[in-house]
N, C-alpha and C. Protein backbone atom coordinates (compact mmCIF):
# COMPACT_ATOMS: atom_id res chain seq x y z
N MET A 1 92.50 104.96 71.74
CA MET A 1 91.37 105.65 72.53
C MET A 1 90.68 104.64 73.92
N THR A 2 90.90 103.25 73.94
CA THR A 2 90.60 102.07 74.83
C THR A 2 91.29 103.00 76.18
N GLU A 3 92.99 103.39 75.80
CA GLU A 3 93.30 103.59 77.04
C GLU A 3 93.16 104.87 77.72
N ILE A 4 92.40 105.88 77.11
CA ILE A 4 92.05 107.03 77.37
C ILE A 4 90.26 106.71 78.36
N VAL A 5 89.14 105.82 77.56
CA VAL A 5 88.35 104.79 78.46
C VAL A 5 88.66 104.84 79.83
N THR A 6 89.83 103.82 79.51
CA THR A 6 89.84 103.40 80.80
C THR A 6 90.60 103.89 81.99
N GLY A 7 91.00 105.13 81.52
CA GLY A 7 91.66 106.04 82.87
C GLY A 7 90.67 106.66 83.49
N LEU A 8 89.69 106.95 82.65
CA LEU A 8 88.35 107.45 82.79
C LEU A 8 87.93 106.82 83.71
N THR A 9 87.90 105.76 83.34
CA THR A 9 86.70 104.82 83.95
C THR A 9 87.33 104.30 85.56
N LEU A 10 88.76 104.04 85.64
CA LEU A 10 89.26 104.00 86.86
C LEU A 10 89.94 105.36 87.85
N GLY A 11 89.92 106.15 86.90
CA GLY A 11 89.46 107.77 87.77
C GLY A 11 88.44 107.95 88.20
N LEU A 12 87.28 107.78 87.42
CA LEU A 12 86.16 108.39 87.99
C LEU A 12 85.67 107.26 89.37
N GLY A 13 85.76 106.21 89.33
CA GLY A 13 85.76 105.20 90.29
C GLY A 13 86.62 105.43 91.80
N ALA A 14 87.75 105.72 91.15
CA ALA A 14 89.20 106.02 92.48
C ALA A 14 88.78 107.48 93.27
N GLY A 15 87.77 108.27 92.38
CA GLY A 15 87.58 109.69 92.68
C GLY A 15 86.54 109.69 93.61
N LEU A 16 85.40 109.16 93.42
CA LEU A 16 84.06 108.35 93.82
C LEU A 16 84.43 107.76 95.32
N SER A 17 85.68 106.89 95.46
CA SER A 17 85.81 105.84 96.40
C SER A 17 85.50 106.34 97.83
N PRO A 18 84.77 106.33 98.51
CA PRO A 18 84.76 106.86 100.07
C PRO A 18 86.21 106.62 100.74
N GLY A 19 86.76 107.47 101.60
CA GLY A 19 88.14 107.44 101.90
C GLY A 19 88.51 109.13 102.41
N PRO A 20 90.04 108.72 103.33
CA PRO A 20 90.18 109.81 103.75
C PRO A 20 90.57 111.22 103.40
N LEU A 21 90.96 111.10 102.03
CA LEU A 21 90.76 112.04 100.99
C LEU A 21 89.72 112.57 100.81
N LEU A 22 88.65 111.92 100.00
CA LEU A 22 87.30 112.63 99.99
C LEU A 22 86.36 112.95 101.29
N THR A 23 87.36 112.48 102.29
CA THR A 23 86.29 112.92 103.89
C THR A 23 87.15 114.10 103.57
N LEU A 24 88.64 114.42 103.31
CA LEU A 24 89.26 115.66 103.92
C LEU A 24 88.86 116.73 103.24
N VAL A 25 88.12 116.37 101.86
CA VAL A 25 87.91 117.32 100.60
C VAL A 25 86.51 118.26 101.27
N VAL A 26 85.52 117.25 102.05
CA VAL A 26 84.68 117.69 102.30
C VAL A 26 84.89 118.42 103.85
N THR A 27 85.81 118.12 104.49
CA THR A 27 85.60 119.07 105.90
C THR A 27 86.44 120.15 105.63
N SER A 28 87.29 119.92 104.62
CA SER A 28 87.98 121.67 104.31
C SER A 28 87.40 122.41 103.65
N THR A 29 86.23 121.91 102.41
CA THR A 29 85.39 122.90 102.01
C THR A 29 84.41 123.86 103.57
N LEU A 30 83.78 122.71 104.17
CA LEU A 30 82.95 122.76 105.06
C LEU A 30 83.60 124.29 105.79
N GLU A 31 85.00 123.97 106.45
CA GLU A 31 85.93 124.86 106.84
C GLU A 31 85.93 125.98 106.13
N ARG A 32 86.70 126.09 104.90
CA ARG A 32 87.36 127.61 104.48
C ARG A 32 86.28 127.67 103.11
N GLY A 33 85.49 126.78 102.49
CA GLY A 33 84.98 127.28 101.24
C GLY A 33 85.58 126.20 100.21
N PHE A 34 85.27 126.29 99.11
CA PHE A 34 85.29 125.76 98.09
C PHE A 34 86.86 125.20 97.21
N GLY A 35 87.54 126.64 97.79
CA GLY A 35 88.58 127.21 97.60
C GLY A 35 89.38 125.96 98.14
N ALA A 36 89.36 125.63 99.23
CA ALA A 36 89.95 124.68 99.89
C ALA A 36 90.08 123.49 99.15
N GLY A 37 88.60 123.16 99.53
CA GLY A 37 88.51 121.80 99.12
C GLY A 37 89.06 121.33 97.68
N VAL A 38 89.19 122.18 96.51
CA VAL A 38 89.84 122.23 95.26
C VAL A 38 91.15 121.77 95.88
N ARG A 39 92.17 122.11 96.68
CA ARG A 39 93.36 122.30 97.02
C ARG A 39 93.86 121.08 97.39
N VAL A 40 92.93 120.40 98.71
CA VAL A 40 93.26 118.96 98.89
C VAL A 40 93.04 118.10 97.69
N ALA A 41 91.54 118.52 97.14
CA ALA A 41 91.62 117.79 95.86
C ALA A 41 92.35 117.35 94.71
N MET A 42 93.59 118.81 94.51
CA MET A 42 94.64 118.85 93.85
C MET A 42 96.08 117.88 94.48
N ALA A 43 95.88 117.35 95.86
CA ALA A 43 96.79 116.49 96.23
C ALA A 43 97.31 115.36 95.82
N PRO A 44 96.84 114.54 95.12
CA PRO A 44 97.11 113.79 94.08
C PRO A 44 97.84 113.87 93.18
N LEU A 45 98.03 114.63 92.49
CA LEU A 45 98.63 115.90 91.23
C LEU A 45 99.92 116.18 91.59
N VAL A 46 100.21 116.09 93.20
CA VAL A 46 101.83 116.42 94.05
C VAL A 46 102.38 115.36 94.22
N THR A 47 101.51 114.27 95.14
CA THR A 47 101.96 113.20 95.45
C THR A 47 102.07 112.04 94.72
N ASP A 48 101.78 111.81 93.69
CA ASP A 48 101.50 110.57 92.79
C ASP A 48 102.60 110.47 91.77
N ALA A 49 103.42 111.70 91.86
CA ALA A 49 104.79 111.47 90.62
C ALA A 49 105.71 110.48 91.05
N PRO A 50 106.13 110.27 92.26
CA PRO A 50 107.09 109.62 92.94
C PRO A 50 106.63 108.36 93.47
N ILE A 51 105.48 108.32 92.96
CA ILE A 51 104.72 106.85 93.24
C ILE A 51 104.28 106.40 92.04
N VAL A 52 104.36 106.90 90.82
CA VAL A 52 103.90 106.34 89.47
C VAL A 52 105.53 105.90 88.75
N ALA A 53 106.50 106.85 89.11
CA ALA A 53 107.97 106.52 88.74
C ALA A 53 108.65 105.25 89.49
N LEU A 54 108.27 105.10 90.46
CA LEU A 54 108.57 103.59 91.11
C LEU A 54 107.76 102.62 90.88
N ALA A 55 106.26 103.11 90.78
CA ALA A 55 105.70 101.41 90.32
C ALA A 55 106.54 101.21 88.65
N VAL A 56 106.19 102.42 88.14
CA VAL A 56 106.78 101.67 86.49
C VAL A 56 107.96 100.97 86.69
N THR A 57 108.36 101.66 87.62
CA THR A 57 110.43 100.90 87.45
C THR A 57 110.27 99.39 88.28
N VAL A 58 109.30 99.08 89.20
CA VAL A 58 109.44 98.07 90.00
C VAL A 58 108.28 96.82 89.41
N VAL A 59 106.74 97.61 88.72
CA VAL A 59 105.85 97.10 88.15
C VAL A 59 105.67 95.46 89.28
N SER A 60 105.74 95.15 90.33
CA SER A 60 105.36 94.23 91.47
C SER A 60 105.25 94.52 92.02
N SER A 61 104.21 93.84 93.30
CA SER A 61 104.11 94.02 94.62
C SER A 61 104.95 94.92 95.50
N ILE A 62 104.57 95.70 96.39
CA ILE A 62 105.76 96.37 97.71
C ILE A 62 105.36 95.39 98.80
N PRO A 63 106.72 95.17 99.10
CA PRO A 63 106.98 94.42 100.04
C PRO A 63 105.52 94.40 101.40
N ASP A 64 104.71 93.66 102.32
CA ASP A 64 104.35 93.81 102.72
C ASP A 64 104.53 94.63 104.24
N ALA A 65 105.94 94.47 104.08
CA ALA A 65 106.67 95.57 105.67
C ALA A 65 106.09 97.15 105.28
N VAL A 66 106.42 96.80 103.73
CA VAL A 66 106.58 98.73 103.64
C VAL A 66 104.89 99.09 103.26
N VAL A 67 104.22 98.04 103.15
CA VAL A 67 102.47 98.41 103.34
C VAL A 67 102.07 98.32 104.62
N ARG A 68 102.46 97.50 105.75
CA ARG A 68 102.02 97.88 106.59
C ARG A 68 102.57 99.49 107.37
N GLY A 69 103.79 99.19 107.09
CA GLY A 69 104.23 101.08 107.44
C GLY A 69 103.51 102.21 107.09
N LEU A 70 103.05 101.86 105.84
CA LEU A 70 102.21 102.92 105.11
C LEU A 70 101.39 103.28 105.95
N GLY A 71 100.45 102.16 105.86
CA GLY A 71 99.07 102.31 106.73
C GLY A 71 99.26 102.79 108.16
N ILE A 72 100.24 102.43 108.95
CA ILE A 72 100.54 103.25 110.46
C ILE A 72 100.45 104.43 110.49
N ALA A 73 101.63 104.74 109.26
CA ALA A 73 101.70 105.90 109.36
C ALA A 73 100.33 106.90 108.74
N GLY A 74 99.80 106.51 107.84
CA GLY A 74 99.02 107.49 107.36
C GLY A 74 97.98 106.93 108.41
N GLY A 75 97.33 105.97 109.26
CA GLY A 75 96.41 106.22 109.74
C GLY A 75 96.51 106.93 110.80
N THR A 76 97.38 107.30 111.39
CA THR A 76 97.67 108.09 112.14
C THR A 76 97.72 109.55 111.84
N VAL A 77 98.06 109.76 110.96
CA VAL A 77 97.78 110.85 110.60
C VAL A 77 96.27 111.11 110.47
N VAL A 78 95.30 110.57 109.11
CA VAL A 78 94.15 111.14 109.29
C VAL A 78 93.61 110.51 110.28
N ALA A 79 93.75 109.81 111.70
CA ALA A 79 92.64 109.73 112.59
C ALA A 79 93.07 111.15 113.84
N ALA A 80 94.53 111.58 113.24
CA ALA A 80 94.51 112.83 114.00
C ALA A 80 93.72 114.16 113.78
N LEU A 81 93.83 114.03 112.40
CA LEU A 81 93.29 114.96 111.50
C LEU A 81 92.03 115.27 112.11
N GLY A 82 91.10 114.03 112.13
CA GLY A 82 89.91 113.95 112.34
C GLY A 82 89.89 114.17 113.60
N ALA A 83 90.17 113.91 114.70
CA ALA A 83 90.35 114.11 115.84
C ALA A 83 89.92 115.61 116.02
N TRP A 84 91.78 116.64 115.41
CA TRP A 84 91.08 117.99 115.90
C TRP A 84 89.94 118.85 115.01
N THR A 85 89.90 118.19 113.51
CA THR A 85 88.03 118.62 113.23
C THR A 85 86.95 118.44 113.98
N VAL A 86 86.86 117.68 114.65
CA VAL A 86 85.54 117.40 115.79
C VAL A 86 86.38 118.17 116.91
N ARG A 87 86.97 118.35 117.25
CA ARG A 87 87.60 118.94 118.83
C ARG A 87 87.68 120.62 117.98
N ASP A 88 87.84 121.06 116.95
CA ASP A 88 87.64 122.29 116.44
C ASP A 88 85.95 123.16 116.42
N ALA A 89 85.60 122.10 116.34
CA ALA A 89 84.21 122.16 115.76
C ALA A 89 83.17 122.19 116.83
N ARG A 90 83.60 121.57 117.96
CA ARG A 90 82.66 121.43 119.11
C ARG A 90 83.35 122.35 119.81
N ARG A 91 84.31 122.97 119.63
CA ARG A 91 84.73 124.01 120.48
C ARG A 91 84.01 125.49 119.85
N GLY A 92 83.21 125.31 118.71
CA GLY A 92 82.93 125.96 117.86
C GLY A 92 83.72 127.11 117.08
N GLU A 93 84.73 126.51 117.06
CA GLU A 93 86.18 127.46 116.41
C GLU A 93 86.08 127.34 115.07
N ASP A 94 85.66 128.47 114.05
CA ASP A 94 85.54 128.61 113.03
C ASP A 94 86.97 128.50 112.33
N ALA A 95 87.61 127.99 111.44
CA ALA A 95 88.80 128.07 110.46
C ALA A 95 88.85 129.09 109.95
N PRO A 96 90.26 129.89 109.97
CA PRO A 96 90.22 130.82 109.29
C PRO A 96 89.96 130.83 107.73
N ARG A 97 89.13 131.78 107.50
CA ARG A 97 88.87 131.37 106.11
C ARG A 97 90.87 132.21 105.34
N GLU A 98 91.11 132.88 105.77
CA GLU A 98 92.13 133.45 105.39
C GLU A 98 93.63 132.45 105.32
N ALA A 99 93.29 131.80 105.79
CA ALA A 99 94.28 130.58 105.98
C ALA A 99 95.06 130.06 104.82
N PRO A 100 96.71 130.19 105.30
CA PRO A 100 97.55 130.19 103.83
C PRO A 100 97.26 128.65 103.18
N ALA A 101 96.87 129.12 101.75
CA ALA A 101 96.70 127.92 100.63
C ALA A 101 97.52 126.78 100.97
N ARG A 102 98.43 126.64 100.92
CA ARG A 102 99.60 125.93 101.34
C ARG A 102 99.13 124.71 102.57
N ARG A 103 98.62 125.31 103.46
CA ARG A 103 97.98 124.31 104.43
C ARG A 103 96.68 123.29 103.94
N ASP A 104 95.91 123.83 103.17
CA ASP A 104 95.04 122.81 102.52
C ASP A 104 95.89 121.88 102.17
N LEU A 105 96.29 122.09 100.99
CA LEU A 105 97.26 121.40 100.26
C LEU A 105 98.00 120.49 100.76
N ALA A 106 98.95 121.16 101.98
CA ALA A 106 99.91 120.07 102.64
C ALA A 106 99.30 119.26 103.18
N ARG A 107 98.02 119.35 104.18
CA ARG A 107 97.07 118.16 104.53
C ARG A 107 96.73 117.00 103.68
N GLY A 108 96.04 117.68 102.14
CA GLY A 108 95.73 116.79 101.18
C GLY A 108 97.03 115.92 101.07
N VAL A 109 98.21 116.67 100.77
CA VAL A 109 99.85 115.95 100.43
C VAL A 109 99.88 114.47 101.93
N ALA A 110 99.79 115.04 102.79
CA ALA A 110 99.87 114.06 103.68
C ALA A 110 99.02 113.08 103.82
N VAL A 111 97.19 112.96 103.46
CA VAL A 111 96.65 112.24 103.25
C VAL A 111 97.31 110.94 102.47
N ASN A 112 97.33 111.28 101.77
CA ASN A 112 97.22 110.97 100.26
C ASN A 112 98.58 110.19 99.81
N LEU A 113 100.08 110.95 100.53
CA LEU A 113 101.49 109.99 100.21
C LEU A 113 101.60 109.10 101.23
N LEU A 114 100.68 108.96 102.49
CA LEU A 114 100.87 108.20 103.70
C LEU A 114 100.12 107.11 103.21
N SER A 115 98.61 107.53 102.60
CA SER A 115 97.86 106.40 102.32
C SER A 115 98.59 105.44 101.31
N PRO A 116 98.29 103.74 101.99
CA PRO A 116 98.96 102.89 101.10
C PRO A 116 97.94 102.68 99.93
N HIS A 117 96.92 102.97 99.59
CA HIS A 117 96.00 102.78 98.57
C HIS A 117 96.59 103.20 97.21
N PRO A 118 97.10 104.65 97.02
CA PRO A 118 97.62 104.91 95.62
C PRO A 118 99.11 103.77 95.67
N TRP A 119 99.61 103.52 96.60
CA TRP A 119 100.69 102.67 96.32
C TRP A 119 100.21 101.42 95.82
N ILE A 120 98.84 100.90 96.28
CA ILE A 120 99.03 99.53 95.76
C ILE A 120 98.24 99.65 94.37
N PHE A 121 97.79 100.82 94.70
CA PHE A 121 96.90 100.66 92.73
C PHE A 121 97.89 100.81 92.18
N TRP A 122 98.97 101.33 91.81
CA TRP A 122 99.67 102.40 91.36
C TRP A 122 100.87 100.67 90.73
N LEU A 123 100.95 99.99 92.25
CA LEU A 123 102.60 98.91 91.76
C LEU A 123 101.71 97.77 91.09
N THR A 124 100.15 97.22 91.57
CA THR A 124 99.36 96.00 90.91
C THR A 124 98.30 96.28 89.60
N ALA A 125 97.97 97.40 89.68
CA ALA A 125 97.34 97.30 88.68
C ALA A 125 97.51 98.43 87.52
N GLY A 126 97.94 99.92 87.70
CA GLY A 126 97.95 100.84 87.44
C GLY A 126 99.45 100.90 86.71
N ALA A 127 100.45 100.49 87.11
CA ALA A 127 102.10 100.44 86.07
C ALA A 127 101.62 99.58 85.49
N PRO A 128 101.04 98.52 85.50
CA PRO A 128 101.28 97.55 84.29
C PRO A 128 100.72 97.88 82.97
N LEU A 129 98.93 98.18 83.70
CA LEU A 129 98.06 99.43 82.16
C LEU A 129 99.23 100.27 81.74
N LEU A 130 99.61 101.28 82.76
CA LEU A 130 100.35 102.54 81.75
C LEU A 130 101.93 101.79 81.14
N VAL A 131 102.51 100.89 81.37
CA VAL A 131 103.13 100.00 81.03
C VAL A 131 102.98 99.77 79.29
N SER A 132 102.05 99.10 79.25
CA SER A 132 101.09 98.48 78.20
C SER A 132 101.11 99.37 77.34
N ALA A 133 100.44 100.49 77.57
CA ALA A 133 99.89 101.39 76.69
C ALA A 133 101.01 102.12 76.48
N TRP A 134 101.99 102.22 77.08
CA TRP A 134 103.07 103.31 76.68
C TRP A 134 104.02 102.27 75.41
N ARG A 135 103.76 101.22 75.82
CA ARG A 135 104.74 100.32 74.54
C ARG A 135 103.69 100.58 73.50
N ARG A 136 102.66 100.58 73.09
CA ARG A 136 101.29 100.43 72.34
C ARG A 136 102.01 101.52 71.25
N ALA A 137 102.35 102.72 72.19
CA ALA A 137 102.49 104.03 71.60
C ALA A 137 102.55 105.34 73.01
N PRO A 138 103.77 106.03 73.07
CA PRO A 138 103.59 107.24 74.14
C PRO A 138 102.03 108.02 74.16
N VAL A 139 101.79 108.23 73.52
CA VAL A 139 100.86 109.23 73.14
C VAL A 139 99.68 108.40 74.24
N PHE A 140 99.52 107.22 73.91
CA PHE A 140 98.34 106.24 74.78
C PHE A 140 99.03 106.38 76.10
N GLY A 141 99.98 106.26 76.48
CA GLY A 141 100.02 106.01 77.77
C GLY A 141 99.95 107.53 78.39
N VAL A 142 100.18 108.65 77.90
CA VAL A 142 99.73 109.74 78.16
C VAL A 142 98.65 110.16 78.34
N GLY A 143 97.10 109.46 77.53
CA GLY A 143 96.17 109.45 77.37
C GLY A 143 95.39 108.63 78.65
N PHE A 144 96.27 107.61 78.99
CA PHE A 144 95.79 106.81 80.02
C PHE A 144 95.93 107.86 81.12
N LEU A 145 96.99 108.55 81.12
CA LEU A 145 96.79 109.12 82.80
C LEU A 145 96.36 110.27 82.45
N ALA A 146 95.96 111.14 81.47
CA ALA A 146 95.60 112.23 81.50
C ALA A 146 93.83 111.89 81.71
N GLY A 147 93.25 110.89 81.45
CA GLY A 147 91.93 110.36 81.82
C GLY A 147 91.98 110.10 83.05
N PHE A 148 93.18 109.17 83.75
CA PHE A 148 92.86 108.95 84.87
C PHE A 148 92.93 109.95 86.00
N TYR A 149 93.63 111.06 85.73
CA TYR A 149 94.19 112.30 86.77
C TYR A 149 92.22 113.17 86.24
N ALA A 150 92.30 113.35 85.41
CA ALA A 150 91.11 114.12 84.92
C ALA A 150 90.09 114.06 85.83
N LEU A 151 89.31 112.48 85.91
CA LEU A 151 88.36 112.01 86.33
C LEU A 151 89.00 111.97 87.80
N LEU A 152 89.85 111.69 88.10
CA LEU A 152 90.33 111.33 89.83
C LEU A 152 90.41 112.83 90.83
N VAL A 153 90.81 113.98 90.01
CA VAL A 153 91.07 115.09 90.73
C VAL A 153 89.27 115.63 90.55
N GLY A 154 88.91 115.92 88.87
CA GLY A 154 87.55 116.31 88.78
C GLY A 154 86.26 115.97 89.53
N THR A 155 86.21 114.93 89.60
CA THR A 155 85.28 114.45 91.02
C THR A 155 85.22 114.72 92.21
N LYS A 156 86.11 115.14 92.58
CA LYS A 156 86.93 115.47 94.05
C LYS A 156 85.99 116.70 94.27
N VAL A 157 86.73 117.52 92.90
CA VAL A 157 86.56 119.16 92.63
C VAL A 157 84.93 119.23 92.41
N ALA A 158 84.33 118.33 92.01
CA ALA A 158 82.52 118.53 91.77
C ALA A 158 82.18 118.54 93.27
N VAL A 159 82.92 116.92 94.14
CA VAL A 159 82.21 117.21 95.44
C VAL A 159 82.24 118.07 96.54
N ALA A 160 83.68 119.00 96.45
CA ALA A 160 83.73 120.16 97.04
C ALA A 160 82.81 121.27 96.40
N TYR A 161 82.55 121.26 94.98
CA TYR A 161 81.81 122.29 94.53
C TYR A 161 80.39 122.16 95.23
N LEU A 162 79.48 120.96 95.04
CA LEU A 162 78.54 120.47 96.15
C LEU A 162 78.43 120.74 97.12
N THR A 163 79.89 120.47 97.79
CA THR A 163 79.44 120.59 99.78
C THR A 163 79.42 122.48 100.08
N ALA A 164 80.37 122.58 98.61
CA ALA A 164 80.31 124.87 99.14
C ALA A 164 79.05 125.16 99.08
N ARG A 165 78.08 124.48 98.06
CA ARG A 165 76.87 125.23 97.86
C ARG A 165 75.85 124.67 98.99
N GLY A 166 75.87 123.48 99.23
CA GLY A 166 74.86 123.41 100.34
C GLY A 166 75.03 123.70 101.74
N GLY A 167 77.08 123.91 101.92
CA GLY A 167 77.17 124.46 103.02
C GLY A 167 76.77 126.00 103.13
N GLU A 168 76.49 127.06 102.17
CA GLU A 168 75.83 128.20 102.01
C GLU A 168 74.62 128.09 102.38
N ARG A 169 73.78 127.35 101.83
CA ARG A 169 72.48 127.21 102.93
C ARG A 169 72.47 126.89 104.20
N LEU A 170 73.12 126.51 104.88
CA LEU A 170 73.11 126.21 106.40
C LEU A 170 73.72 127.33 107.51
N GLY A 171 73.01 126.84 108.47
CA GLY A 171 73.75 128.01 109.40
C GLY A 171 75.25 127.62 110.56
N ALA A 172 75.94 128.23 111.12
CA ALA A 172 77.26 128.21 111.73
C ALA A 172 76.50 126.88 112.45
N ASP A 173 75.57 126.88 113.08
CA ASP A 173 75.49 125.32 113.95
C ASP A 173 75.52 124.11 113.06
N ALA A 174 74.45 124.07 112.02
CA ALA A 174 74.69 123.05 111.16
C ALA A 174 75.95 122.78 110.57
N ARG A 175 76.57 123.80 110.13
CA ARG A 175 78.05 123.22 109.62
C ARG A 175 78.63 122.84 110.35
N ARG A 176 78.80 123.14 111.82
CA ARG A 176 79.50 122.68 112.99
C ARG A 176 79.14 121.25 113.15
N ARG A 177 78.02 120.78 113.43
CA ARG A 177 77.80 119.06 113.17
C ARG A 177 77.87 118.73 112.04
N LEU A 178 77.75 119.38 111.12
CA LEU A 178 78.40 118.56 109.81
C LEU A 178 80.02 118.55 110.07
N LEU A 179 80.83 119.39 110.66
CA LEU A 179 82.24 118.74 110.33
C LEU A 179 82.37 117.88 112.10
N VAL A 180 81.47 117.75 112.50
CA VAL A 180 82.05 117.07 113.72
C VAL A 180 81.85 115.51 112.87
N ILE A 181 80.47 115.18 112.40
CA ILE A 181 80.40 114.14 111.96
C ILE A 181 81.30 113.59 110.65
N GLY A 182 82.00 114.54 110.00
CA GLY A 182 82.74 114.76 108.87
C GLY A 182 84.49 113.98 109.85
N GLY A 183 84.56 115.11 110.88
CA GLY A 183 86.10 114.93 111.48
C GLY A 183 85.69 113.22 111.78
N GLY A 184 84.55 112.77 112.82
CA GLY A 184 84.36 111.26 113.41
C GLY A 184 84.41 110.45 111.91
N MET A 185 84.16 110.41 111.05
CA MET A 185 84.56 109.85 109.83
C MET A 185 86.13 109.47 109.54
N LEU A 186 87.02 110.65 109.37
CA LEU A 186 88.02 110.60 109.61
C LEU A 186 89.00 110.13 110.59
N ALA A 187 88.58 110.32 111.83
CA ALA A 187 88.99 109.53 112.74
C ALA A 187 88.95 108.12 112.52
N ALA A 188 87.55 107.76 112.11
CA ALA A 188 87.08 106.38 112.23
C ALA A 188 88.18 105.61 110.74
N ALA A 189 88.24 106.54 109.88
CA ALA A 189 88.97 105.75 108.71
C ALA A 189 90.50 105.87 109.04
N GLY A 190 90.65 106.84 110.04
CA GLY A 190 92.09 106.45 110.13
C GLY A 190 92.20 105.23 111.00
N VAL A 191 91.97 104.84 111.94
CA VAL A 191 91.66 103.67 113.22
C VAL A 191 91.17 102.78 112.76
N LEU A 192 90.51 102.33 111.27
CA LEU A 192 90.24 101.31 110.25
C LEU A 192 91.78 100.75 109.70
N LEU A 193 92.41 101.83 109.26
CA LEU A 193 93.92 102.05 108.72
C LEU A 193 94.33 101.27 109.36
N LEU A 194 94.41 102.20 110.74
CA LEU A 194 95.67 101.86 111.29
C LEU A 194 95.28 99.66 111.84
N TRP A 195 94.57 99.50 111.94
CA TRP A 195 93.88 98.29 112.73
C TRP A 195 94.18 97.66 111.20
N GLN A 196 93.86 97.97 109.79
CA GLN A 196 94.09 96.84 108.66
C GLN A 196 95.98 96.73 108.75
N ALA A 197 96.75 97.92 108.82
CA ALA A 197 98.07 97.32 108.67
C ALA A 197 98.80 96.95 110.25
N LEU A 198 98.22 96.64 110.92
CA LEU A 198 98.43 96.29 112.22
C LEU A 198 98.23 94.69 112.13
N THR A 199 96.79 93.88 111.61
CA THR A 199 96.59 93.01 111.52
C THR A 199 97.34 92.28 110.22
N GLY A 200 98.01 93.05 109.15
CA GLY A 200 98.14 92.56 107.85
C GLY A 200 97.33 92.44 107.18
N ARG A 201 95.73 93.36 106.93
CA ARG A 201 94.82 92.85 106.04
C ARG A 201 95.00 93.77 105.37
N LEU A 202 96.37 94.61 104.90
CA LEU A 202 95.97 95.70 103.63
C LEU A 202 96.50 94.77 102.73
């Protein structure tokens, strides 16, 4: 039971932490609706399997060079996504609602996989907790993972829902202004990630 509670607590904190993926959930929801936000929110379920597997195998800190490389790549992708969002919103171009679902998931996967934060979490805190729980009993390890991802993804889905409900009450101009703000936040997060990587602050 302790492992499930620990997983739920960590998942809630990670799910609500401001960051590129949460911002992308909001901007994607504003662009194409609740379904798009949900698909972006599901990205950790796709990207984290190799991260967790590697973390459990290594259970140690990743080399600084790898962290910096992930930060540089992730910062570039996030900043580019933010710039594209601002550009399209300022042009008054609405993203097609019938855009392929895989596009939303792919954007979320790229942001999450190239971000150093999931890697650092699993290689420093997540993996030791998971290994300890699994050694007690496999069901405890499964409970930890289930609790963590239930709230990690669930909180982002909730944010997408609230954003979609709020967006329905806004006019086109207000949605575009919010997209400019959200895109600016994405770009700023990308630049910050790049700065942290280049200055060794990750």
